[in-house]
C-alpha atoms as a PDB file:
ATOM      1  CA  MET A   1      13.889 -14.712  -6.780  1.00  0.00           C
ATOM      2  CA  LYS A   2      12.137 -14.607  -3.398  1.00  0.00           C
ATOM      3  CA  ASN A   3      12.176 -10.790  -3.294  1.00  0.00           C
ATOM      4  CA  PHE A   4      11.055 -10.684  -6.932  1.00  0.00           C
ATOM      5  CA  LEU A   5       7.953 -12.759  -6.128  1.00  0.00           C
ATOM      6  CA  LYS A   6       7.262 -10.597  -3.077  1.00  0.00           C
ATOM      7  CA  GLY A   7       7.589  -7.543  -5.328  1.00  0.00           C
ATOM      8  CA  ILE A   8       4.863  -8.899  -7.616  1.00  0.00           C
ATOM      9  CA  ILE A   9       2.486  -9.224  -4.653  1.00  0.00           C
ATOM     10  CA  VAL A  10       3.435  -5.724  -3.464  1.00  0.00           C
ATOM     11  CA  GLY A  11       2.737  -4.350  -6.960  1.00  0.00           C
ATOM     12  CA  PHE A  12      -0.682  -5.968  -6.916  1.00  0.00           C
ATOM     13  CA  GLY A  13      -1.345  -4.408  -3.521  1.00  0.00           C
ATOM     14  CA  GLY A  14      -0.313  -1.025  -4.886  1.00  0.00           C
ATOM     15  CA  ILE A  15      -3.264  -0.886  -7.295  1.00  0.00           C
ATOM     16  CA  SER A  16      -5.845  -2.718  -5.192  1.00  0.00           C
ATOM     17  CA  PRO A  17      -8.533  -0.868  -3.217  1.00  0.00           C
ATOM     18  CA  GLY A  18      -7.598  -0.930   0.453  1.00  0.00           C
ATOM     19  CA  LEU A  19      -4.481  -3.054   0.067  1.00  0.00           C
ATOM     20  CA  SER A  20      -1.400  -0.864   0.530  1.00  0.00           C
ATOM     21  CA  GLY A  21       1.843  -1.980  -1.100  1.00  0.00           C
ATOM     22  CA  SER A  22       3.874  -0.453   1.740  1.00  0.00           C
ATOM     23  CA  VAL A  23       1.944  -2.492   4.303  1.00  0.00           C
ATOM     24  CA  LEU A  24       2.785  -5.624   2.329  1.00  0.00           C
ATOM     25  CA  LEU A  25       6.448  -4.581   2.394  1.00  0.00           C
ATOM     26  CA  ILE A  26       6.154  -4.396   6.198  1.00  0.00           C
ATOM     27  CA  ILE A  27       4.569  -7.859   6.309  1.00  0.00           C
ATOM     28  CA  PHE A  28       7.390  -9.213   4.141  1.00  0.00           C
ATOM     29  CA  GLY A  29      10.042  -7.563   6.324  1.00  0.00           C
ATOM     30  CA  LEU A  30      11.305  -5.422   3.451  1.00  0.00           C
ATOM     31  CA  TYR A  31       9.948  -1.980   4.274  1.00  0.00           C
ATOM     32  CA  GLN A  32      12.811  -0.474   6.278  1.00  0.00           C
ATOM     33  CA  LYS A  33      15.463  -1.921   3.964  1.00  0.00           C
ATOM     34  CA  THR A  34      13.666  -0.663   0.852  1.00  0.00           C
ATOM     35  CA  LEU A  35      13.157   2.785   2.358  1.00  0.00           C
ATOM     36  CA  HIS A  36      16.837   3.023   3.280  1.00  0.00           C
ATOM     37  CA  ALA A  37      18.000   1.773  -0.119  1.00  0.00           C
ATOM     38  CA  ILE A  38      15.926   4.338  -2.015  1.00  0.00           C
ATOM     39  CA  GLY A  39      16.699   7.209   0.349  1.00  0.00           C
ATOM     40  CA  THR A  40      20.466   6.539   0.196  1.00  0.00           C
ATOM     41  CA  LEU A  41      20.543   5.311  -3.400  1.00  0.00           C
ATOM     42  CA  PHE A  42      23.746   7.101  -4.416  1.00  0.00           C
ATOM     43  CA  THR A  43      25.542   6.612  -1.100  1.00  0.00           C
ATOM     44  CA  ASN A  44      26.033   2.895  -1.729  1.00  0.00           C
ATOM     45  CA  PHE A  45      24.762   2.724  -5.284  1.00  0.00           C
ATOM     46  CA  ARG A  46      25.837  -0.782  -6.273  1.00  0.00           C
ATOM     47  CA  ASN A  47      24.465  -2.611  -3.236  1.00  0.00           C
ATOM     48  CA  ASN A  48      21.285  -0.514  -3.147  1.00  0.00           C
ATOM     49  CA  VAL A  49      20.527  -1.181  -6.813  1.00  0.00           C
ATOM     50  CA  LYS A  50      21.297  -4.893  -6.367  1.00  0.00           C
ATOM     51  CA  PHE A  51      18.759  -5.031  -3.533  1.00  0.00           C
ATOM     52  CA  LEU A  52      16.106  -2.901  -5.269  1.00  0.00           C
ATOM     53  CA  ILE A  53      16.114  -4.432  -8.772  1.00  0.00           C
ATOM     54  CA  PRO A  54      14.228  -7.680  -7.954  1.00  0.00           C
ATOM     55  CA  ILE A  55      11.712  -5.861  -5.739  1.00  0.00           C
ATOM     56  CA  VAL A  56      11.045  -2.969  -8.117  1.00  0.00           C
ATOM     57  CA  SER A  57      10.917  -5.177 -11.216  1.00  0.00           C
ATOM     58  CA  GLY A  58       8.495  -7.497  -9.424  1.00  0.00           C
ATOM     59  CA  MET A  59       6.346  -4.524  -8.426  1.00  0.00           C
ATOM     60  CA  LEU A  60       6.215  -3.265 -12.028  1.00  0.00           C
ATOM     61  CA  ILE A  61       5.198  -6.696 -13.298  1.00  0.00           C
ATOM     62  CA  GLY A  62       2.599  -6.977 -10.544  1.00  0.00           C
ATOM     63  CA  VAL A  63       1.102  -3.599 -11.449  1.00  0.00           C
ATOM     64  CA  LEU A  64       1.046  -4.227 -15.212  1.00  0.00           C
ATOM     65  CA  ALA A  65      -0.059  -7.876 -14.973  1.00  0.00           C
ATOM     66  CA  PHE A  66      -2.948  -7.293 -12.580  1.00  0.00           C
ATOM     67  CA  SER A  67      -4.175  -3.871 -13.748  1.00  0.00           C
ATOM     68  CA  LYS A  68      -6.319  -5.372 -16.521  1.00  0.00           C
ATOM     69  CA  VAL A  69      -7.603  -8.093 -14.199  1.00  0.00           C
ATOM     70  CA  LEU A  70      -8.473  -5.556 -11.521  1.00  0.00           C
ATOM     71  CA  ASP A  71     -10.081  -3.244 -14.059  1.00  0.00           C
ATOM     72  CA  TYR A  72     -12.277  -6.142 -15.264  1.00  0.00           C
ATOM     73  CA  LEU A  73     -13.207  -7.300 -11.745  1.00  0.00           C
ATOM     74  CA  LEU A  74     -14.150  -3.806 -10.541  1.00  0.00           C
ATOM     75  CA  ASN A  75     -16.268  -3.207 -13.646  1.00  0.00           C
ATOM     76  CA  ASN A  76     -18.016  -6.581 -13.669  1.00  0.00           C
ATOM     77  CA  HIS A  77     -17.873  -8.008 -10.120  1.00  0.00           C
ATOM     78  CA  GLU A  78     -17.318  -4.966  -7.934  1.00  0.00           C
ATOM     79  CA  MET A  79     -19.040  -6.070  -4.736  1.00  0.00           C
ATOM     80  CA  PRO A  80     -17.286  -9.473  -4.302  1.00  0.00           C
ATOM     81  CA  THR A  81     -13.970  -7.890  -5.329  1.00  0.00           C
ATOM     82  CA  ARG A  82     -14.232  -5.109  -2.755  1.00  0.00           C
ATOM     83  CA  PHE A  83     -15.209  -7.549   0.013  1.00  0.00           C
ATOM     84  CA  CYS A  84     -12.185  -9.674  -0.882  1.00  0.00           C
ATOM     85  CA  PHE A  85      -9.944  -6.620  -0.535  1.00  0.00           C
ATOM     86  CA  LEU A  86     -11.641  -5.780   2.769  1.00  0.00           C
ATOM     87  CA  GLY A  87     -10.633  -9.202   4.066  1.00  0.00           C
ATOM     88  CA  LEU A  88      -7.088  -8.749   2.776  1.00  0.00           C
ATOM     89  CA  ILE A  89      -6.625  -5.436   4.560  1.00  0.00           C
ATOM     90  CA  LEU A  90      -8.254  -6.619   7.819  1.00  0.00           C
ATOM     91  CA  GLY A  91      -5.781  -9.482   7.870  1.00  0.00           C
ATOM     92  CA  THR A  92      -2.851  -7.041   7.825  1.00  0.00           C
ATOM     93  CA  ILE A  93      -3.979  -5.121  10.945  1.00  0.00           C
ATOM     94  CA  PRO A  94      -2.354  -7.454  13.555  1.00  0.00           C
ATOM     95  CA  ILE A  95       1.088  -7.390  11.908  1.00  0.00           C
ATOM     96  CA  PHE A  96       0.865  -3.622  11.325  1.00  0.00           C
ATOM     97  CA  TYR A  97      -0.087  -3.023  14.984  1.00  0.00           C
ATOM     98  CA  LYS A  98       2.742  -5.265  16.152  1.00  0.00           C
ATOM     99  CA  GLU A  99       5.197  -3.320  13.999  1.00  0.00           C
ATOM    100  CA  ALA A 100       4.019  -0.024  15.506  1.00  0.00           C
ATOM    101  CA  LYS A 101       4.757  -1.357  19.029  1.00  0.00           C
ATOM    102  CA  LYS A 102       8.145  -2.847  18.145  1.00  0.00           C
ATOM    103  CA  GLU A 103      10.309  -0.121  19.700  1.00  0.00           C
ATOM    104  CA  GLY A 104       8.213   0.633  22.785  1.00  0.00           C
ATOM    105  CA  PHE A 105       4.672   1.864  23.228  1.00  0.00           C
ATOM    106  CA  SER A 106       2.755   3.896  25.809  1.00  0.00           C
ATOM    107  CA  LEU A 107      -0.759   5.206  26.332  1.00  0.00           C
ATOM    108  CA  LYS A 108      -0.093   8.514  24.551  1.00  0.00           C
ATOM    109  CA  TYR A 109       0.428   6.722  21.246  1.00  0.00           C
ATOM    110  CA  TYR A 110      -3.145   5.444  21.313  1.00  0.00           C
ATOM    111  CA  PHE A 111      -4.221   9.095  21.265  1.00  0.00           C
ATOM    112  CA  VAL A 112      -1.841   9.705  18.339  1.00  0.00           C
ATOM    113  CA  ILE A 113      -3.429   6.792  16.457  1.00  0.00           C
ATOM    114  CA  ALA A 114      -6.938   8.079  17.214  1.00  0.00           C
ATOM    115  CA  ALA A 115      -6.050  11.633  16.128  1.00  0.00           C
ATOM    116  CA  ALA A 116      -4.466  10.400  12.887  1.00  0.00           C
ATOM    117  CA  ALA A 117      -7.508   8.209  12.189  1.00  0.00           C
ATOM    118  CA  ALA A 118      -9.817  11.201  12.740  1.00  0.00           C
ATOM    119  CA  VAL A 119      -7.775  13.396  10.387  1.00  0.00           C
ATOM    120  CA  GLY A 120      -7.669  10.620   7.800  1.00  0.00           C
ATOM    121  CA  ALA A 121     -11.437  10.117   8.008  1.00  0.00           C
ATOM    122  CA  TRP A 122     -11.982  13.859   7.543  1.00  0.00           C
ATOM    123  CA  MET A 123      -9.618  14.007   4.562  1.00  0.00           C
ATOM    124  CA  PHE A 124     -10.614  10.850   2.713  1.00  0.00           C
ATOM    125  CA  THR A 125     -14.213  10.161   3.792  1.00  0.00           C
ATOM    126  CA  VAL A 126     -15.955  13.398   4.760  1.00  0.00           C
ATOM    127  CA  ASN A 127     -14.388  15.559   2.044  1.00  0.00           C
ATOM    128  CA  THR A 128     -14.420  13.167  -0.902  1.00  0.00           C
ATOM    129  CA  GLU A 129     -15.920  15.704  -3.338  1.00  0.00           C
ATOM    130  CA  ASN A 130     -13.204  18.345  -3.045  1.00  0.00           C
ATOM    131  CA  PHE A 131     -11.514  17.395  -6.328  1.00  0.00           C
ATOM    132  CA  GLU A 132     -13.030  16.768  -9.750  1.00  0.00           C
ATOM    133  CA  GLN A 133     -12.258  13.532 -11.573  1.00  0.00           C
ATOM    134  CA  ILE A 134      -9.336  13.908 -14.003  1.00  0.00           C
ATOM    135  CA  VAL A 135     -10.099  12.511 -17.467  1.00  0.00           C
ATOM    136  CA  ASN A 136      -7.334  13.768 -19.786  1.00  0.00           C
ATOM    137  CA  PRO A 137      -4.431  14.770 -17.514  1.00  0.00           C
ATOM    138  CA  SER A 138      -1.880  17.337 -18.645  1.00  0.00           C
ATOM    139  CA  VAL A 139       1.856  16.631 -18.319  1.00  0.00           C
ATOM    140  CA  PRO A 140       2.137  18.396 -14.909  1.00  0.00           C
ATOM    141  CA  GLN A 141      -0.955  16.522 -13.701  1.00  0.00           C
ATOM    142  CA  SER A 142       0.592  13.224 -14.832  1.00  0.00           C
ATOM    143  CA  VAL A 143       3.839  14.073 -13.002  1.00  0.00           C
ATOM    144  CA  PHE A 144       1.807  14.864  -9.868  1.00  0.00           C
ATOM    145  CA  LEU A 145      -0.011  11.544 -10.322  1.00  0.00           C
ATOM    146  CA  GLY A 146       3.393   9.827 -10.190  1.00  0.00           C
ATOM    147  CA  VAL A 147       4.276  11.655  -6.968  1.00  0.00           C
ATOM    148  CA  ALA A 148       0.919  10.702  -5.438  1.00  0.00           C
ATOM    149  CA  VAL A 149       1.315   7.067  -6.502  1.00  0.00           C
ATOM    150  CA  VAL A 150       4.818   6.742  -5.047  1.00  0.00           C
ATOM    151  CA  ALA A 151       3.710   8.501  -1.844  1.00  0.00           C
ATOM    152  CA  THR A 152       0.999   5.878  -1.303  1.00  0.00           C
ATOM    153  CA  ALA A 153       3.566   3.167  -2.037  1.00  0.00           C
ATOM    154  CA  ILE A 154       6.107   4.518   0.456  1.00  0.00           C
ATOM    155  CA  VAL A 155       3.970   5.798   3.332  1.00  0.00           C
ATOM    156  CA  PRO A 156       2.407   2.783   5.109  1.00  0.00           C
ATOM    157  CA  GLY A 157      -1.341   2.941   5.517  1.00  0.00           C
ATOM    158  CA  LEU A 158      -2.045   5.240   2.584  1.00  0.00           C
ATOM    159  CA  ASP A 159      -4.437   3.296   0.384  1.00  0.00           C
ATOM    160  CA  PRO A 160      -3.665   4.253  -3.237  1.00  0.00           C
ATOM    161  CA  ALA A 161      -7.266   3.730  -4.341  1.00  0.00           C
ATOM    162  CA  VAL A 162      -8.652   5.986  -1.606  1.00  0.00           C
ATOM    163  CA  VAL A 163      -6.009   8.715  -1.963  1.00  0.00           C
ATOM    164  CA  LEU A 164      -6.115   8.779  -5.752  1.00  0.00           C
ATOM    165  CA  SER A 165      -9.917   8.660  -5.770  1.00  0.00           C
ATOM    166  CA  SER A 166     -10.031  11.597  -3.347  1.00  0.00           C
ATOM    167  CA  LEU A 167      -7.700  13.550  -5.647  1.00  0.00           C
ATOM    168  CA  GLY A 168      -9.692  12.559  -8.745  1.00  0.00           C
ATOM    169  CA  TYR A 169      -6.955  10.394 -10.269  1.00  0.00           C
ATOM    170  CA  TYR A 170      -7.843   6.754  -9.580  1.00  0.00           C
ATOM    171  CA  GLU A 171      -9.859   5.980 -12.716  1.00  0.00           C
ATOM    172  CA  VAL A 172      -7.344   7.578 -15.082  1.00  0.00           C
ATOM    173  CA  TYR A 173      -4.532   5.770 -13.233  1.00  0.00           C
ATOM    174  CA  ILE A 174      -6.095   2.325 -13.645  1.00  0.00           C
ATOM    175  CA  SER A 175      -7.192   2.954 -17.254  1.00  0.00           C
ATOM    176  CA  SER A 176      -3.770   4.296 -18.282  1.00  0.00           C
ATOM    177  CA  LEU A 177      -2.111   1.164 -16.852  1.00  0.00           C
ATOM    178  CA  ALA A 178      -4.646  -1.165 -18.445  1.00  0.00           C
ATOM    179  CA  ASP A 179      -4.320   0.559 -21.867  1.00  0.00           C
ATOM    180  CA  PHE A 180      -0.584   1.292 -21.430  1.00  0.00           C
ATOM    181  CA  ASP A 181      -1.179   4.953 -22.245  1.00  0.00           C
ATOM    182  CA  VAL A 182       2.364   6.306 -22.702  1.00  0.00           C
ATOM    183  CA  SER A 183       1.156   9.932 -22.765  1.00  0.00           C
ATOM    184  CA  VAL A 184       0.169   9.525 -19.106  1.00  0.00           C
ATOM    185  CA  LEU A 185       2.686   6.897 -17.973  1.00  0.00           C
ATOM    186  CA  ALA A 186       5.862   8.588 -19.293  1.00  0.00           C
ATOM    187  CA  PRO A 187       5.541  11.817 -17.267  1.00  0.00           C
ATOM    188  CA  MET A 188       4.151   9.778 -14.370  1.00  0.00           C
ATOM    189  CA  VAL A 189       7.462   7.886 -14.214  1.00  0.00           C
ATOM    190  CA  ILE A 190       9.265  11.210 -13.694  1.00  0.00           C
ATOM    191  CA  GLY A 191       7.053  11.942 -10.699  1.00  0.00           C
ATOM    192  CA  VAL A 192       7.579   8.430  -9.344  1.00  0.00           C
ATOM    193  CA  ALA A 193      11.380   8.643  -9.635  1.00  0.00           C
ATOM    194  CA  GLY A 194      11.799  12.134  -8.202  1.00  0.00           C
ATOM    195  CA  GLY A 195       9.096  11.861  -5.570  1.00  0.00           C
ATOM    196  CA  GLY A 196      10.261   8.407  -4.545  1.00  0.00           C
ATOM    197  CA  MET A 197      13.754   9.526  -3.613  1.00  0.00           C
ATOM    198  CA  VAL A 198      12.599  12.629  -1.711  1.00  0.00           C
ATOM    199  CA  ILE A 199       9.761  10.909   0.185  1.00  0.00           C
ATOM    200  CA  SER A 200      11.907   7.848   0.978  1.00  0.00           C
ATOM    201  CA  TYR A 201      14.634  10.054   2.425  1.00  0.00           C
ATOM    202  CA  LEU A 202      12.148  11.987   4.580  1.00  0.00           C
ATOM    203  CA  MET A 203      10.374   8.849   5.817  1.00  0.00           C
ATOM    204  CA  SER A 204      13.696   7.171   6.586  1.00  0.00           C
ATOM    205  CA  LYS A 205      14.688  10.145   8.748  1.00  0.00           C
ATOM    206  CA  LEU A 206      11.320  10.171  10.534  1.00  0.00           C
ATOM    207  CA  PHE A 207      11.458   6.448  11.297  1.00  0.00           C
ATOM    208  CA  SER A 208      15.044   6.627  12.530  1.00  0.00           C
ATOM    209  CA  ARG A 209      14.326   9.524  14.918  1.00  0.00           C
ATOM    210  CA  TYR A 210      10.622   9.165  15.795  1.00  0.00           C
ATOM    211  CA  TYR A 211       9.827   5.521  15.026  1.00  0.00           C
ATOM    212  CA  THR A 212       6.842   4.885  17.314  1.00  0.00           C
ATOM    213  CA  ALA A 213       5.230   8.294  16.775  1.00  0.00           C
ATOM    214  CA  THR A 214       5.581   8.034  12.973  1.00  0.00           C
ATOM    215  CA  PHE A 215       4.234   4.490  12.897  1.00  0.00           C
ATOM    216  CA  SER A 216       1.334   5.494  15.158  1.00  0.00           C
ATOM    217  CA  ILE A 217       0.368   8.250  12.699  1.00  0.00           C
ATOM    218  CA  VAL A 218       0.514   6.010   9.638  1.00  0.00           C
ATOM    219  CA  PHE A 219      -1.344   3.259  11.516  1.00  0.00           C
ATOM    220  CA  GLY A 220      -4.124   5.741  12.314  1.00  0.00           C
ATOM    221  CA  LEU A 221      -4.292   6.811   8.658  1.00  0.00           C
ATOM    222  CA  PHE A 222      -4.382   3.156   7.684  1.00  0.00           C
ATOM    223  CA  LEU A 223      -7.366   2.498   9.962  1.00  0.00           C
ATOM    224  CA  SER A 224      -9.202   5.594   8.699  1.00  0.00           C
ATOM    225  CA  MET A 225      -9.215   4.300   5.140  1.00  0.00           C
ATOM    226  CA  ILE A 226     -10.712   0.876   5.808  1.00  0.00           C
ATOM    227  CA  PRO A 227     -14.378   2.037   5.521  1.00  0.00           C
ATOM    228  CA  ASN A 228     -13.632   3.458   2.062  1.00  0.00           C
ATOM    229  CA  ILE A 229     -12.950   0.004   0.640  1.00  0.00           C
ATOM    230  CA  LEU A 230     -16.693  -0.630   0.413  1.00  0.00           C
ATOM    231  CA  ASN A 231     -18.983   1.707  -1.509  1.00  0.00           C
ATOM    232  CA  GLU A 232     -22.681   2.013  -2.327  1.00  0.00           C
ATOM    233  CA  THR A 233     -22.596  -1.161  -4.450  1.00  0.00           C
ATOM    234  CA  CYS A 234     -21.544  -3.272  -1.457  1.00  0.00           C
ATOM    235  CA  VAL A 235     -24.904  -4.005   0.159  1.00  0.00           C
ATOM    236  CA  LEU A 236     -25.335  -7.501   1.596  1.00  0.00           C
ATOM    237  CA  ALA A 237     -28.559  -9.439   1.025  1.00  0.00           C
ATOM    238  CA  PHE A 238     -29.771 -13.049   1.048  1.00  0.00           C
ATOM    239  CA  ASN A 239     -28.407 -13.966  -2.372  1.00  0.00           C
ATOM    240  CA  VAL A 240     -25.526 -15.790  -4.048  1.00  0.00           C
ATOM    241  CA  GLN A 241     -23.491 -12.635  -4.686  1.00  0.00           C
ATOM    242  CA  SER A 242     -23.502 -11.715  -0.991  1.00  0.00           C
ATOM    243  CA  ALA A 243     -22.537 -15.258  -0.003  1.00  0.00           C
ATOM    244  CA  VAL A 244     -19.632 -15.197  -2.465  1.00  0.00           C
ATOM    245  CA  ALA A 245     -18.582 -11.767  -1.157  1.00  0.00           C
ATOM    246  CA  ILE A 246     -18.476 -12.991   2.460  1.00  0.00           C
ATOM    247  CA  VAL A 247     -16.542 -16.140   1.510  1.00  0.00           C
ATOM    248  CA  LEU A 248     -14.007 -14.059  -0.445  1.00  0.00           C
ATOM    249  CA  MET A 249     -13.641 -11.664   2.495  1.00  0.00           C
ATOM    250  CA  ILE A 250     -12.835 -14.603   4.811  1.00  0.00           C
ATOM    251  CA  ILE A 251     -10.362 -16.019   2.277  1.00  0.00           C
ATOM    252  CA  GLY A 252      -8.740 -12.609   1.846  1.00  0.00           C
ATOM    253  CA  PHE A 253      -8.351 -12.225   5.605  1.00  0.00           C
ATOM    254  CA  ALA A 254      -6.844 -15.708   5.910  1.00  0.00           C
ATOM    255  CA  VAL A 255      -4.355 -15.112   3.075  1.00  0.00           C
ATOM    256  CA  SER A 256      -2.973 -11.787   4.336  1.00  0.00           C
ATOM    257  CA  PHE A 257      -2.922 -12.941   7.979  1.00  0.00           C
ATOM    258  CA  TYR A 258      -1.122 -16.147   6.980  1.00  0.00           C
ATOM    259  CA  LEU A 259       1.482 -14.180   5.005  1.00  0.00           C
ATOM    260  CA  GLY A 260       2.147 -12.121   8.126  1.00  0.00           C
ATOM    261  CA  VAL A 261       2.494 -15.253  10.265  1.00  0.00           C
ATOM    262  CA  ILE A 262       4.937 -16.812   7.791  1.00  0.00           C
ATOM    263  CA  GLU A 263       7.149 -13.737   7.721  1.00  0.00           C
ATOM    264  CA  ASP A 264       6.982 -13.389  11.499  1.00  0.00           C
ATOM    265  CA  LYS A 265       8.102 -16.997  11.952  1.00  0.00           C
ATOM    266  CA  GLY A 266      10.837 -16.437   9.387  1.00  0.00           C
ATOM    267  CA  ALA A 267      12.116 -13.401  11.291  1.00  0.00           C
ATOM    268  CA  ILE A 268      12.143 -15.336  14.591  1.00  0.00           C
ATOM    269  CA  LYS A 269      13.967 -18.240  12.940  1.00  0.00           C
ATOM    270  CA  ASN A 270      16.621 -15.908  11.532  1.00  0.00           C
ATOM    271  CA  LYS A 271      17.150 -14.295  14.947  1.00  0.00           C
ATOM    272  CA  LEU A 272      17.604 -17.718  16.571  1.00  0.00           C
ATOM    273  CA  LYS A 273      20.005 -18.757  13.826  1.00  0.00           C
ATOM    274  CA  ASN A 274      22.066 -15.584  14.252  1.00  0.00           C
ATOM    275  CA  ARG A 275      22.269 -16.144  18.027  1.00  0.00           C
ATOM    276  CA  LYS A 276      23.335 -19.729  17.475  1.00  0.00           C
ATOM    277  CA  ASP A 277      26.040 -18.684  15.006  1.00  0.00           C
ATOM    278  CA  TYR A 278      27.243 -16.053  17.436  1.00  0.00           C
END
């Protein structure tokens, strides 16, 4: 039940601007286990499926349950909503940075982070008009949408809203979820399933062999996407809407930071318990 509830929150993060589902998996201490379970699904099928079912089912419920809410908030209260998500993602930075340093860190990795952030800014901020917005996707486009969605879910730091917006898919993605458009969702599932296994396997290999370097790259990409959370509608002024936006940003920061603290304390407690049992 605990992993199911975490899955719901991760699913919500997967469709929210700036809030990456994979980063939430890291905060909850589930990222490496989930990556391994998907990448080696058929190696130990029974145990992997047993572990994945509550997480994946929670994620699906989170996506479907909050897609309509998110669609409404972005259409009717965009500025406060985006500031809230800004706070949520800023609150994840300390735990993400700590995770990147977990297996050793040196000065060169700061340059890796900076280079990845520069590339990410060029890809997702400077060149945002490279792709036209997709309105009525074909079957291959819907399959590719599934691959793109699962890539943003698996690779930490890739904001689904920013990536999909840059590719021209974000609006059709949110609307198809909100309207439960089977013509888009059915082929998208194929892309999610196939792409998920391939990308999980590759990421699992990268993390096992080049942990710090890989995490430094994804952390840099993560940082590069933060400015994209706010858009031209997010202009602060001396009014009620701006005050609400700032309050929601502070609340968002506190919530995500607190979640990270809870999981960190839980991990420390488990380590102490294991040592005591030993």
